[in-house]
Amino acid sequence: MAQVYHYKRIENGIVKALKNRISWLAERIGDFFRAVGRLLTRDYTIVLVPHSEKRVYNFHVKFITIFAGIFLFFGLAAVFFLYSALAGNARSGFTEQDARLRETQEDLEKLRGEVNQLSRAARSFEAVLSGTLSTMGVNPAAAITGERASLFSGGGDFSREVEDLRRLSVYLSSAMEPVKEIGDILNSQSSILSEIPSIWPIRGGIGHFTQFFGRSPDPFTGMSHLHTGIDISTYRQGDPIVATADGQVAFIAYEPNGFGNYIVIRHQHGFYTRYAHMLSFRVEAGQQVKQGDVIGYIGNTGRSTGPHLHYEVHSGFEVVDPYPYLNIRLNPPR
């Protein structure tokens, strides 16, 4: 029981000490606020004394008024500096936006120039395409539908260039079909040209004519005779000879007093071609060949006065002048 009383006394002492501390702290806080209150409510006299001997001006103000004035001054100064900083940032942003706007305008002007250049190219393309279609027997107005009239007018605001691009898109879409038709026609013509003797019979397009088709003096007897083909020389032996059209090697033969080593190729549409005075062969009888394939080499075999190729074209049972068939796309000069 004595021990319980002992702890109770200690507890009471602690509580009492805390109360004393709290009371002392409350008094100090109260003293502080009372001192501040006395300071703020204290009267001060501001005396203005002019240099001349005139009336002296006295102003009675409280400290709280002075404190409020100082606080207001620094508050306004802070607002001013903050506004100045924000205004500077805004001006910097406006300057940057203005620079970007100028760059955008320059890009738009460049784009406008590209659109105008594209418009000129489109007009040229339209004229060439219309002329090509007309040449091929296709009505351009019927082949190309859509907004073709005044594809590009140029000038005006940028919306006009946008409209021009839209019209060009419509025009190119409508032009795809006739261009495809042209491609189909060219492909069919290319297929036909590969089936008829239509290319130069020496690889690389080299060589020159030494004798044409028709009646001419025989180089051995001097008598007039019908020369049934054309002679092409490169002044040397061994240059590759190519098939002038797709076909099948009909036969390979040798005539010592005539064509020497020669090849006959059978083609479509009743055409035959003969390649004579050859040095050697590159193909066999019955072999299928394509236009441009090497079939042998220029020689001086048989009844010949020098290395050359004697080339013939037969249509059915008739021998014809090979010259009109050589490079149908661009005939070599006689």
Foldseek 3Di string as FASTA:
>chain_A
DVVVVVVVVVVVVVVVVVVVVVVVVVVVVVVVVVVVVCQQADKDKDWDDDPDPDDIDIDIDGNVVVVVVVVVVVVVVVVVVVVVVVVVVVVVVVVVVVVVVVVVVVVLVVVLVVLVVVVVVLVVVLVVLCVVCVVVVHHSDVQFDAPDPCLADGDDDCVSSVSSVVRVVNRVVSVPVVVVVVVVVVVVVVQVQQQAQAADFFPPPDWDWPAFFAWDQDPVPRDTDGQLETKTDPQDKFGFTWRSHWFFWQAWDADQAPQGTKTWTAGPQQKIKMKGQFPDFDDHHGDTDTHGHGTGMFHRGHNGDGTIITMWMARHPRTDGCQCRYNVVDGDDD
